[in-house]
N, C-alpha and C. Protein backbone atom coordinates (compact mmCIF):
# COMPACT_ATOMS: atom_id res chain seq x y z
N MET A 1 -123.35 95.97 203.54
CA MET A 1 -124.59 96.55 203.33
C MET A 1 -125.24 96.66 204.74
N GLN A 2 -125.60 97.82 205.18
CA GLN A 2 -126.20 97.92 206.51
C GLN A 2 -128.00 97.63 206.37
N GLU A 3 -128.49 97.97 205.19
CA GLU A 3 -129.87 97.98 205.10
C GLU A 3 -129.89 97.08 203.75
N CYS A 4 -130.79 96.06 203.61
CA CYS A 4 -131.05 95.64 202.32
C CYS A 4 -132.53 95.92 201.82
N VAL A 5 -132.57 97.27 201.19
CA VAL A 5 -133.54 97.74 200.56
C VAL A 5 -134.08 97.59 199.17
N PHE A 6 -135.32 97.44 199.03
CA PHE A 6 -135.97 97.75 197.18
C PHE A 6 -135.86 99.01 197.12
N PRO A 7 -135.45 99.45 195.88
CA PRO A 7 -134.72 98.79 194.88
C PRO A 7 -133.26 98.90 194.89
N GLY A 8 -132.75 99.60 195.83
CA GLY A 8 -130.90 99.92 196.08
C GLY A 8 -130.13 98.64 196.23
N THR A 9 -130.79 97.57 197.30
CA THR A 9 -129.80 96.52 197.11
C THR A 9 -129.49 95.86 195.66
N LEU A 10 -130.67 95.88 194.68
CA LEU A 10 -130.48 94.90 193.77
C LEU A 10 -129.41 95.50 193.09
N HIS A 11 -129.09 96.94 192.74
CA HIS A 11 -128.22 97.36 191.96
C HIS A 11 -126.58 96.94 192.50
N SER A 12 -126.64 97.01 193.75
CA SER A 12 -125.21 96.54 194.37
C SER A 12 -124.95 95.12 194.05
N VAL A 13 -126.13 94.05 194.62
CA VAL A 13 -125.92 92.78 193.96
C VAL A 13 -125.75 92.31 192.36
N ARG A 14 -126.46 93.09 191.72
CA ARG A 14 -126.13 92.90 190.24
C ARG A 14 -124.61 93.23 189.87
N GLU A 15 -123.98 94.28 190.28
CA GLU A 15 -122.80 94.49 190.10
C GLU A 15 -121.54 93.50 190.89
N ALA A 16 -122.11 92.98 191.92
CA ALA A 16 -121.25 91.40 192.53
C ALA A 16 -121.47 90.61 192.06
N ILE A 17 -122.73 90.38 191.24
CA ILE A 17 -122.91 89.31 190.36
C ILE A 17 -122.04 89.16 189.34
N ALA A 18 -121.91 90.33 188.35
CA ALA A 18 -120.84 90.64 187.36
C ALA A 18 -119.58 90.36 187.61
N THR A 19 -119.33 90.79 188.95
CA THR A 19 -117.82 90.43 189.35
C THR A 19 -117.73 88.87 189.47
N ALA A 20 -118.75 88.41 190.17
CA ALA A 20 -118.50 86.54 190.35
C ALA A 20 -118.57 85.66 189.07
N TRP A 21 -118.89 86.54 188.15
CA TRP A 21 -118.54 86.06 186.59
C TRP A 21 -117.34 86.06 186.30
N ALA A 22 -116.45 86.90 186.56
CA ALA A 22 -115.01 86.98 186.19
C ALA A 22 -114.18 85.98 187.00
N VAL A 23 -114.73 85.74 188.20
CA VAL A 23 -114.20 84.63 189.18
C VAL A 23 -114.11 83.31 188.65
N LEU A 24 -115.64 83.24 188.24
CA LEU A 24 -115.92 82.03 187.69
C LEU A 24 -115.37 81.52 186.43
N GLU A 25 -115.16 82.63 185.80
CA GLU A 25 -114.37 82.50 184.24
C GLU A 25 -112.83 82.32 184.11
N CYS A 26 -112.53 82.65 185.53
CA CYS A 26 -111.01 82.66 185.38
C CYS A 26 -110.12 81.65 184.91
N VAL A 27 -109.25 81.74 184.08
CA VAL A 27 -108.30 80.73 183.54
C VAL A 27 -107.13 80.27 184.16
N HIS A 28 -107.03 81.02 185.25
CA HIS A 28 -105.67 80.81 186.21
C HIS A 28 -105.91 80.17 187.43
N CYS A 29 -107.26 80.32 187.87
CA CYS A 29 -107.38 79.46 189.09
C CYS A 29 -107.71 77.90 188.93
N PRO A 30 -107.78 77.16 187.93
CA PRO A 30 -107.61 76.02 187.91
C PRO A 30 -106.17 75.47 187.69
N GLN A 31 -105.21 76.39 187.56
CA GLN A 31 -103.97 75.70 187.12
C GLN A 31 -103.03 75.37 188.25
N ARG A 32 -103.76 75.43 189.43
CA ARG A 32 -103.39 75.49 190.77
C ARG A 32 -104.29 74.90 191.87
N PHE A 33 -104.24 73.88 192.71
CA PHE A 33 -104.78 73.28 193.39
C PHE A 33 -105.49 74.17 194.76
N LEU A 34 -104.70 75.21 195.44
CA LEU A 34 -105.12 75.97 196.06
C LEU A 34 -105.79 77.10 195.39
N THR A 35 -105.68 77.59 194.54
CA THR A 35 -106.04 78.72 194.02
C THR A 35 -107.73 78.08 193.31
N ALA A 36 -107.55 77.02 192.71
CA ALA A 36 -108.82 76.35 192.31
C ALA A 36 -109.93 76.10 193.68
N LEU A 37 -109.36 75.92 194.53
CA LEU A 37 -110.00 75.72 196.09
C LEU A 37 -110.62 76.79 196.45
N HIS A 38 -109.81 77.82 196.23
CA HIS A 38 -110.18 79.17 196.84
C HIS A 38 -111.42 79.71 196.14
N ASN A 39 -111.08 79.62 194.72
CA ASN A 39 -112.27 79.95 193.66
C ASN A 39 -113.75 79.44 193.83
N VAL A 40 -113.60 77.95 194.14
CA VAL A 40 -114.85 77.28 194.48
C VAL A 40 -115.51 78.01 195.96
N GLN A 41 -114.58 77.96 196.78
CA GLN A 41 -115.16 78.28 198.11
C GLN A 41 -115.72 79.84 198.10
N MET A 42 -114.97 80.59 197.45
CA MET A 42 -115.34 81.69 197.37
C MET A 42 -116.63 82.00 196.73
N LEU A 43 -117.06 81.29 195.40
CA LEU A 43 -118.29 81.32 194.55
C LEU A 43 -119.28 80.63 195.44
N GLY A 44 -118.95 79.68 196.30
CA GLY A 44 -120.26 79.23 197.09
C GLY A 44 -120.37 79.93 197.87
N MET A 45 -119.69 80.63 199.03
CA MET A 45 -120.10 81.36 199.74
C MET A 45 -120.80 82.71 199.39
N PHE A 46 -120.27 83.03 197.91
CA PHE A 46 -120.94 84.12 197.55
C PHE A 46 -122.28 84.03 197.10
N LEU A 47 -122.29 82.92 196.90
CA LEU A 47 -124.03 82.39 196.37
C LEU A 47 -124.88 82.28 197.53
N MET A 48 -124.34 81.83 198.53
CA MET A 48 -125.13 82.03 199.85
C MET A 48 -125.25 83.19 200.54
N THR A 49 -124.31 84.00 200.36
CA THR A 49 -124.52 85.21 200.88
C THR A 49 -125.31 86.27 200.05
N VAL A 50 -125.35 86.06 198.74
CA VAL A 50 -126.45 86.57 197.86
C VAL A 50 -127.81 86.15 198.36
N ALA A 51 -127.93 84.95 198.16
CA ALA A 51 -129.11 84.58 198.77
C ALA A 51 -129.69 84.97 199.86
N GLU A 52 -128.98 84.95 200.90
CA GLU A 52 -129.33 85.80 202.15
C GLU A 52 -129.61 87.25 201.78
N ARG A 53 -129.08 87.82 201.34
CA ARG A 53 -129.32 89.53 200.91
C ARG A 53 -130.59 89.16 200.00
N TYR A 54 -130.85 88.49 198.91
CA TYR A 54 -132.56 88.70 198.67
C TYR A 54 -133.47 88.34 199.73
N HIS A 55 -133.36 87.51 200.47
CA HIS A 55 -134.32 87.28 201.57
C HIS A 55 -134.45 88.31 202.47
N ARG A 56 -133.16 88.80 202.82
CA ARG A 56 -133.40 90.37 203.50
C ARG A 56 -134.06 91.50 203.15
N VAL A 57 -134.12 91.52 201.47
CA VAL A 57 -134.94 92.62 200.75
C VAL A 57 -136.37 91.95 200.75
N MET A 58 -136.35 91.04 200.58
CA MET A 58 -137.91 90.39 200.54
C MET A 58 -138.38 90.63 202.20
N ASP A 59 -137.82 90.62 203.16
CA ASP A 59 -138.44 90.81 204.40
C ASP A 59 -138.69 92.54 204.48
N TRP A 60 -137.65 93.47 203.77
CA TRP A 60 -137.92 94.72 203.87
C TRP A 60 -139.51 95.22 203.32
N ILE A 61 -139.24 94.22 202.05
CA ILE A 61 -140.35 94.53 201.29
C ILE A 61 -141.80 94.52 201.92
N GLU A 62 -141.94 93.50 202.76
CA GLU A 62 -143.09 92.71 203.63
C GLU A 62 -143.18 94.10 205.06
N GLN A 63 -141.83 94.52 205.48
CA GLN A 63 -142.30 95.30 206.20
C GLN A 63 -142.88 96.89 205.85
N GLU A 64 -142.11 96.93 204.68
CA GLU A 64 -142.70 98.71 204.09
C GLU A 64 -144.16 98.28 203.54
N GLN A 65 -144.70 97.11 203.18
CA GLN A 65 -146.11 97.07 202.75
C GLN A 65 -147.00 97.23 204.21
N HIS A 66 -146.57 96.47 205.35
CA HIS A 66 -147.17 96.65 206.59
C HIS A 66 -147.32 98.04 207.09
N ARG A 67 -146.21 98.77 206.97
CA ARG A 67 -145.86 100.26 207.35
C ARG A 67 -147.07 100.86 206.41
N ALA A 68 -146.98 100.85 205.27
CA ALA A 68 -147.74 101.89 204.43
C ALA A 68 -149.24 101.34 204.65
N THR A 69 -149.71 100.13 204.62
CA THR A 69 -150.93 99.80 204.83
C THR A 69 -151.34 100.41 206.23
N ALA A 70 -150.64 100.29 207.22
CA ALA A 70 -151.22 100.86 208.67
C ALA A 70 -151.15 102.34 208.38
N ALA A 71 -150.40 103.10 207.66
CA ALA A 71 -150.32 104.39 207.40
C ALA A 71 -151.41 104.94 206.54
N ASN A 72 -151.89 103.58 206.12
CA ASN A 72 -153.16 104.19 204.46
C ASN A 72 -152.47 105.13 203.55
N GLU A 73 -151.17 104.72 203.19
CA GLU A 73 -150.50 105.70 201.99
C GLU A 73 -150.53 104.63 201.05
N LYS A 74 -149.99 105.26 199.84
CA LYS A 74 -149.91 104.68 198.46
C LYS A 74 -148.34 104.64 198.70
N LEU A 75 -148.01 103.89 197.70
CA LEU A 75 -146.33 103.60 197.92
C LEU A 75 -145.97 103.86 195.96
N SER A 76 -144.76 104.47 195.43
CA SER A 76 -144.53 104.79 194.53
C SER A 76 -143.72 103.75 193.91
N PHE A 77 -143.66 103.49 192.62
CA PHE A 77 -143.06 102.63 191.84
C PHE A 77 -142.53 103.21 190.62
N GLN A 78 -141.32 103.22 190.08
CA GLN A 78 -140.89 104.01 189.10
C GLN A 78 -140.42 102.85 188.02
N LEU A 79 -140.92 103.31 186.81
CA LEU A 79 -140.84 102.14 185.54
C LEU A 79 -140.11 102.96 184.66
N GLY A 80 -139.71 102.42 183.95
CA GLY A 80 -138.69 102.86 182.84
C GLY A 80 -138.78 102.02 181.43
N ASP A 81 -138.66 102.37 180.53
CA ASP A 81 -138.75 101.96 179.25
C ASP A 81 -137.00 101.52 178.86
N LEU A 82 -136.84 100.05 178.90
CA LEU A 82 -135.96 99.52 178.90
C LEU A 82 -135.13 99.20 177.25
N ASN A 83 -135.67 99.95 176.64
CA ASN A 83 -135.15 99.56 174.97
C ASN A 83 -133.80 99.90 174.84
N CYS A 84 -133.11 98.91 174.45
CA CYS A 84 -131.45 99.41 174.48
C CYS A 84 -131.04 100.54 173.93
N SER A 85 -131.86 101.28 172.96
CA SER A 85 -131.33 102.44 172.58
C SER A 85 -131.78 103.75 173.24
N THR A 86 -132.38 103.39 174.49
CA THR A 86 -132.77 104.53 175.19
C THR A 86 -132.24 104.29 176.83
N THR A 87 -131.72 103.15 177.09
CA THR A 87 -131.28 102.90 178.21
C THR A 87 -130.31 103.84 179.20
N HIS A 88 -130.84 104.21 180.21
CA HIS A 88 -130.53 105.06 181.14
C HIS A 88 -131.09 105.07 182.29
N LEU A 89 -130.66 105.85 183.35
CA LEU A 89 -131.15 105.59 184.72
C LEU A 89 -132.50 106.19 184.94
N HIS A 90 -133.05 106.90 183.93
CA HIS A 90 -134.37 107.57 183.86
C HIS A 90 -134.77 108.53 185.12
N THR A 91 -133.54 109.56 184.91
CA THR A 91 -133.81 110.38 186.13
C THR A 91 -133.99 111.74 185.35
N GLY A 92 -134.47 112.51 186.44
CA GLY A 92 -134.89 114.05 185.63
C GLY A 92 -135.76 113.96 185.11
N ASP A 93 -135.62 114.50 183.81
CA ASP A 93 -136.81 114.71 182.74
C ASP A 93 -136.94 113.80 181.60
N CYS A 94 -136.45 112.47 181.91
CA CYS A 94 -136.60 111.38 181.16
C CYS A 94 -137.93 111.15 180.81
N ILE A 95 -138.35 111.12 179.21
CA ILE A 95 -139.28 111.00 178.77
C ILE A 95 -139.77 109.31 178.77
N GLY A 96 -138.69 108.68 179.28
CA GLY A 96 -139.20 107.14 179.29
C GLY A 96 -139.61 106.74 180.53
N GLY A 97 -139.23 107.50 181.79
CA GLY A 97 -139.59 107.24 183.05
C GLY A 97 -140.85 107.31 183.62
N PHE A 98 -141.14 106.45 184.22
CA PHE A 98 -142.66 106.79 185.01
C PHE A 98 -142.92 106.28 186.37
N VAL A 99 -143.82 106.99 187.05
CA VAL A 99 -143.82 106.87 188.30
C VAL A 99 -145.30 106.67 188.70
N VAL A 100 -145.79 105.58 189.12
CA VAL A 100 -147.01 104.96 189.73
C VAL A 100 -147.21 104.70 191.00
N ASN A 101 -148.31 105.47 191.70
CA ASN A 101 -148.49 105.13 193.16
C ASN A 101 -149.40 104.03 193.27
N LEU A 102 -149.22 103.11 194.26
CA LEU A 102 -149.86 101.74 193.92
C LEU A 102 -150.30 101.53 196.10
N ASP A 103 -151.44 101.19 195.72
CA ASP A 103 -151.70 100.55 196.89
C ASP A 103 -150.69 99.39 197.37
N PRO A 104 -150.36 99.57 198.78
CA PRO A 104 -149.27 98.75 199.39
C PRO A 104 -149.39 97.02 198.84
N LEU A 105 -150.63 96.69 198.92
CA LEU A 105 -150.75 95.26 198.34
C LEU A 105 -150.20 94.94 196.70
N GLU A 106 -150.67 95.80 195.96
CA GLU A 106 -150.31 96.08 194.70
C GLU A 106 -148.39 95.99 194.36
N TRP A 107 -148.11 97.09 195.17
CA TRP A 107 -146.53 97.32 195.40
C TRP A 107 -145.87 96.19 195.87
N ARG A 108 -146.22 95.63 196.84
CA ARG A 108 -145.71 94.32 197.68
C ARG A 108 -145.49 93.39 196.42
N LYS A 109 -146.55 93.02 195.43
CA LYS A 109 -146.79 92.04 194.54
C LYS A 109 -145.72 92.56 193.44
N LEU A 110 -145.83 93.81 192.93
CA LEU A 110 -144.77 93.74 191.98
C LEU A 110 -143.34 94.03 192.18
N THR A 111 -143.06 94.57 193.27
CA THR A 111 -141.75 94.46 193.88
C THR A 111 -141.26 93.28 194.18
N LYS A 112 -142.10 92.30 194.78
CA LYS A 112 -141.66 90.91 194.59
C LYS A 112 -141.29 90.27 193.27
N ARG A 113 -142.09 90.50 192.53
CA ARG A 113 -141.96 89.89 190.99
C ARG A 113 -140.63 90.26 190.66
N VAL A 114 -140.20 91.82 191.02
CA VAL A 114 -139.09 92.09 190.26
C VAL A 114 -137.59 91.51 190.78
N VAL A 115 -137.95 91.01 192.18
CA VAL A 115 -136.83 90.55 192.89
C VAL A 115 -137.00 88.93 192.38
N ARG A 116 -137.81 88.70 192.48
CA ARG A 116 -138.15 87.01 191.74
C ARG A 116 -137.53 87.01 190.58
N ASP A 117 -137.48 87.90 189.53
CA ASP A 117 -137.16 87.97 188.07
C ASP A 117 -135.47 88.20 188.24
N GLU A 118 -135.25 89.08 189.01
CA GLU A 118 -133.49 89.23 189.58
C GLU A 118 -132.77 88.02 189.88
N VAL A 119 -133.33 86.98 190.60
CA VAL A 119 -133.08 85.89 191.26
C VAL A 119 -132.96 84.94 190.11
N ARG A 120 -133.98 84.66 189.41
CA ARG A 120 -134.17 83.84 188.55
C ARG A 120 -133.69 84.18 187.16
N GLY A 121 -134.24 85.48 186.91
CA GLY A 121 -133.60 85.88 185.24
C GLY A 121 -134.90 85.74 184.55
N THR A 122 -134.77 86.19 183.45
CA THR A 122 -135.83 86.17 182.61
C THR A 122 -135.11 85.69 181.03
N GLU A 123 -135.92 85.64 180.07
CA GLU A 123 -135.15 85.02 178.85
C GLU A 123 -134.07 86.14 178.53
N VAL A 124 -134.12 87.35 178.90
CA VAL A 124 -133.17 88.23 178.39
C VAL A 124 -132.06 88.47 179.60
N THR A 125 -132.25 88.31 180.89
CA THR A 125 -131.51 88.54 181.97
C THR A 125 -131.09 86.87 182.53
N ARG A 126 -131.27 85.91 181.91
CA ARG A 126 -131.06 84.59 182.57
C ARG A 126 -129.58 84.59 183.04
N CYS A 127 -128.28 84.92 182.02
CA CYS A 127 -127.13 84.56 182.19
C CYS A 127 -126.51 85.87 183.48
N SER A 128 -127.30 86.70 183.79
CA SER A 128 -126.73 87.53 184.87
C SER A 128 -127.30 87.29 185.91
N SER A 129 -128.19 86.48 186.15
CA SER A 129 -128.96 86.23 187.47
C SER A 129 -128.30 85.49 188.33
N LEU A 130 -128.73 85.49 189.55
CA LEU A 130 -128.16 84.68 190.77
C LEU A 130 -128.34 83.09 190.22
N ILE A 131 -129.53 82.58 189.47
CA ILE A 131 -129.74 81.30 189.36
C ILE A 131 -128.79 80.86 188.18
N GLY A 132 -128.48 82.03 187.07
CA GLY A 132 -127.58 81.58 185.91
C GLY A 132 -126.36 81.34 186.43
N LEU A 133 -125.76 82.19 187.43
CA LEU A 133 -124.86 81.93 188.10
C LEU A 133 -124.30 80.77 188.37
N LEU A 134 -125.44 80.30 189.33
CA LEU A 134 -125.03 79.16 190.21
C LEU A 134 -125.12 77.79 189.13
N ASP A 135 -126.20 78.05 188.20
CA ASP A 135 -125.88 76.98 186.84
C ASP A 135 -124.75 76.72 186.46
N ALA A 136 -123.93 77.83 186.10
CA ALA A 136 -122.81 77.79 185.42
C ALA A 136 -121.67 77.38 186.40
N LEU A 137 -122.02 77.86 187.89
CA LEU A 137 -120.68 77.21 188.47
C LEU A 137 -120.66 75.62 188.82
N VAL A 138 -122.15 75.12 188.76
CA VAL A 138 -122.26 73.41 188.91
C VAL A 138 -121.79 72.91 187.50
N ALA A 139 -121.97 73.50 186.56
CA ALA A 139 -121.67 72.81 185.15
C ALA A 139 -120.10 73.29 185.28
N ARG A 140 -119.69 74.21 185.42
CA ARG A 140 -118.14 73.96 185.55
C ARG A 140 -117.54 73.21 186.34
N GLN A 141 -118.13 72.94 187.78
CA GLN A 141 -117.41 71.95 188.50
C GLN A 141 -117.54 70.54 188.04
N LYS A 142 -118.77 70.40 187.53
CA LYS A 142 -118.70 68.61 187.05
C LYS A 142 -117.59 68.80 185.82
N GLN A 143 -117.37 69.76 185.20
CA GLN A 143 -116.35 69.52 184.18
C GLN A 143 -114.85 69.50 184.65
N TRP A 144 -114.73 70.27 185.69
CA TRP A 144 -113.43 70.25 186.47
C TRP A 144 -113.33 69.06 187.02
N HIS A 145 -114.21 68.31 187.31
CA HIS A 145 -113.83 66.72 187.86
C HIS A 145 -113.56 65.81 186.75
N PHE A 146 -113.75 66.19 185.59
CA PHE A 146 -113.12 65.17 184.65
C PHE A 146 -111.93 65.56 184.11
N ASN A 147 -111.46 66.70 184.05
CA ASN A 147 -110.14 67.32 183.58
C ASN A 147 -109.01 66.83 184.26
N LEU A 148 -107.94 66.95 183.70
CA LEU A 148 -106.69 66.42 184.67
C LEU A 148 -106.41 67.55 185.47
N PRO A 149 -106.24 67.10 186.81
CA PRO A 149 -106.10 67.94 188.03
C PRO A 149 -104.81 68.81 187.96
N PRO A 150 -105.06 69.79 188.49
CA PRO A 150 -103.63 70.79 188.48
C PRO A 150 -102.46 69.82 189.13
N THR A 151 -101.54 70.00 188.75
CA THR A 151 -99.90 69.06 188.97
C THR A 151 -99.79 69.18 190.48
N ASP A 152 -100.40 70.14 191.28
CA ASP A 152 -100.07 70.37 192.73
C ASP A 152 -100.91 69.71 193.52
N MET A 153 -102.19 69.20 193.01
CA MET A 153 -103.25 68.76 193.73
C MET A 153 -102.58 67.32 194.42
N PRO A 154 -103.12 67.37 195.94
CA PRO A 154 -102.58 66.28 196.75
C PRO A 154 -102.98 65.14 195.90
N ARG A 155 -102.05 64.01 196.21
CA ARG A 155 -102.32 62.63 195.75
C ARG A 155 -103.56 61.91 196.29
N ASN A 156 -103.94 62.04 197.40
CA ASN A 156 -104.83 61.50 197.82
C ASN A 156 -106.35 61.85 197.55
N ILE A 157 -106.52 63.05 197.37
CA ILE A 157 -107.39 64.04 196.71
C ILE A 157 -107.65 63.05 195.17
N TRP A 158 -106.62 63.17 194.50
CA TRP A 158 -106.73 62.98 193.11
C TRP A 158 -107.17 61.76 193.03
N ILE A 159 -106.45 60.60 193.57
CA ILE A 159 -107.02 59.10 193.64
C ILE A 159 -108.51 58.98 193.90
N THR A 160 -109.03 59.93 194.89
CA THR A 160 -110.68 59.75 195.19
C THR A 160 -111.04 60.26 194.16
N ASN A 161 -110.82 61.33 193.48
CA ASN A 161 -111.56 61.99 192.23
C ASN A 161 -111.37 61.75 191.02
N ASN A 162 -110.36 60.55 190.82
CA ASN A 162 -110.08 60.62 189.31
C ASN A 162 -111.05 59.62 188.59
N ASN A 163 -111.50 60.55 187.90
CA ASN A 163 -112.75 60.14 186.80
C ASN A 163 -113.82 59.54 187.41
N PRO A 164 -114.37 60.13 188.54
CA PRO A 164 -115.36 59.59 189.10
C PRO A 164 -116.73 59.23 188.45
N PRO A 165 -117.75 58.54 188.39
CA PRO A 165 -118.85 58.54 187.94
C PRO A 165 -119.79 59.56 188.32
N ILE A 166 -120.37 60.26 187.35
CA ILE A 166 -121.11 61.64 187.30
C ILE A 166 -122.26 61.58 188.78
N GLU A 167 -122.62 60.42 189.10
CA GLU A 167 -123.96 60.40 190.12
C GLU A 167 -122.66 60.55 191.58
N LEU A 168 -121.50 60.27 191.47
CA LEU A 168 -120.75 60.68 192.74
C LEU A 168 -120.35 61.90 192.89
N VAL A 169 -119.89 62.33 191.67
CA VAL A 169 -119.49 64.08 191.95
C VAL A 169 -120.59 64.67 192.25
N GLU A 170 -122.05 64.50 191.68
CA GLU A 170 -122.99 65.17 192.14
C GLU A 170 -123.54 65.07 193.55
N LYS A 171 -123.20 63.58 194.12
CA LYS A 171 -123.72 63.70 195.54
C LYS A 171 -122.59 63.88 196.32
N ASP A 172 -121.25 63.72 196.33
CA ASP A 172 -120.31 63.83 197.22
C ASP A 172 -119.45 65.09 196.86
N ALA A 173 -119.31 65.93 195.83
CA ALA A 173 -118.41 66.54 195.83
C ALA A 173 -118.47 67.94 196.56
N THR A 174 -117.70 68.53 197.41
CA THR A 174 -117.89 69.46 198.24
C THR A 174 -118.27 70.65 197.43
N CYS A 175 -117.45 70.88 196.37
CA CYS A 175 -117.91 72.10 195.70
C CYS A 175 -119.68 72.01 194.96
N LEU A 176 -119.98 71.08 195.00
CA LEU A 176 -121.39 70.78 194.55
C LEU A 176 -122.07 70.91 195.68
N ARG A 177 -121.79 70.33 196.99
CA ARG A 177 -122.62 70.59 198.02
C ARG A 177 -123.00 72.06 198.44
N LEU A 178 -121.95 72.77 198.40
CA LEU A 178 -121.89 74.26 198.48
C LEU A 178 -123.24 74.69 197.48
N ALA A 179 -123.06 74.30 196.44
CA ALA A 179 -124.11 75.05 195.28
C ALA A 179 -125.64 74.29 195.88
N ARG A 180 -125.79 73.22 195.97
CA ARG A 180 -126.56 72.64 196.70
C ARG A 180 -127.50 73.32 197.78
N GLU A 181 -126.46 73.83 198.77
CA GLU A 181 -126.82 74.69 199.85
C GLU A 181 -127.36 75.98 199.49
N ALA A 182 -126.81 76.53 198.42
CA ALA A 182 -127.24 77.92 197.90
C ALA A 182 -128.46 77.86 197.14
N ARG A 183 -128.73 76.84 196.35
CA ARG A 183 -130.34 76.47 195.94
C ARG A 183 -131.23 76.46 196.50
N SER A 184 -130.95 75.67 197.80
CA SER A 184 -131.91 75.50 198.78
C SER A 184 -132.19 76.47 199.48
N LEU A 185 -131.16 77.43 199.65
CA LEU A 185 -131.38 79.04 200.40
C LEU A 185 -132.28 79.59 199.38
N ILE A 186 -131.75 79.66 198.06
CA ILE A 186 -132.52 80.26 197.12
C ILE A 186 -134.00 79.98 197.07
N GLU A 187 -134.33 78.35 196.92
CA GLU A 187 -135.77 78.19 196.92
C GLU A 187 -136.63 78.46 197.99
N LYS A 188 -136.01 78.76 199.00
CA LYS A 188 -137.12 79.40 200.23
C LYS A 188 -137.10 80.64 200.26
N ILE A 189 -137.05 81.47 199.10
CA ILE A 189 -137.26 82.81 199.10
C ILE A 189 -138.90 82.81 198.86
N ASP A 190 -139.56 83.70 199.37
CA ASP A 190 -140.81 83.73 199.31
C ASP A 190 -141.42 85.05 198.37
N TYR A 191 -141.68 84.46 197.34
CA TYR A 191 -141.90 85.29 195.93
C TYR A 191 -143.30 85.85 195.79
N GLU A 192 -144.23 85.34 196.78
CA GLU A 192 -145.66 85.78 197.20
C GLU A 192 -145.67 86.75 198.06
């Protein structure tokens, strides 16, 4: 992505998160040490990359609000009915799509709220959100630490990780450190 703009970037990120769920749920990766390791590293770095993209979208929203304020112009925001029976892209002559012109500060507040709900999820979208993916990764990794390891896992790692107490797993596991770093980056997103 050259630019992280609202709302265009959100669609790309949503598609990437859906793909990441497939990586998270892969039944083949945990069968081998290296594929399990790659799976965890890939997901950890993905979470951090997506969190960074959300930061960049928020920066763009700020810049656009300041630009519109300085130019004394309104900003458009498109709304659409998300009723499952009428879900589509709300283009053309859609009876469920509406465009409202907003003061730049109102627009900023609304767009940042959209991004917040994309990151955190709502009651309806929690499982497809970035936080939903992060929470699922953490739960999976905790479970992986208590399952029998792949047969090709190096012995020194197996001895270190053989049924550790949950507190040790949460504190020292590299896979969970990546998740903590991603969560820290997510928590620094300015939703106001």
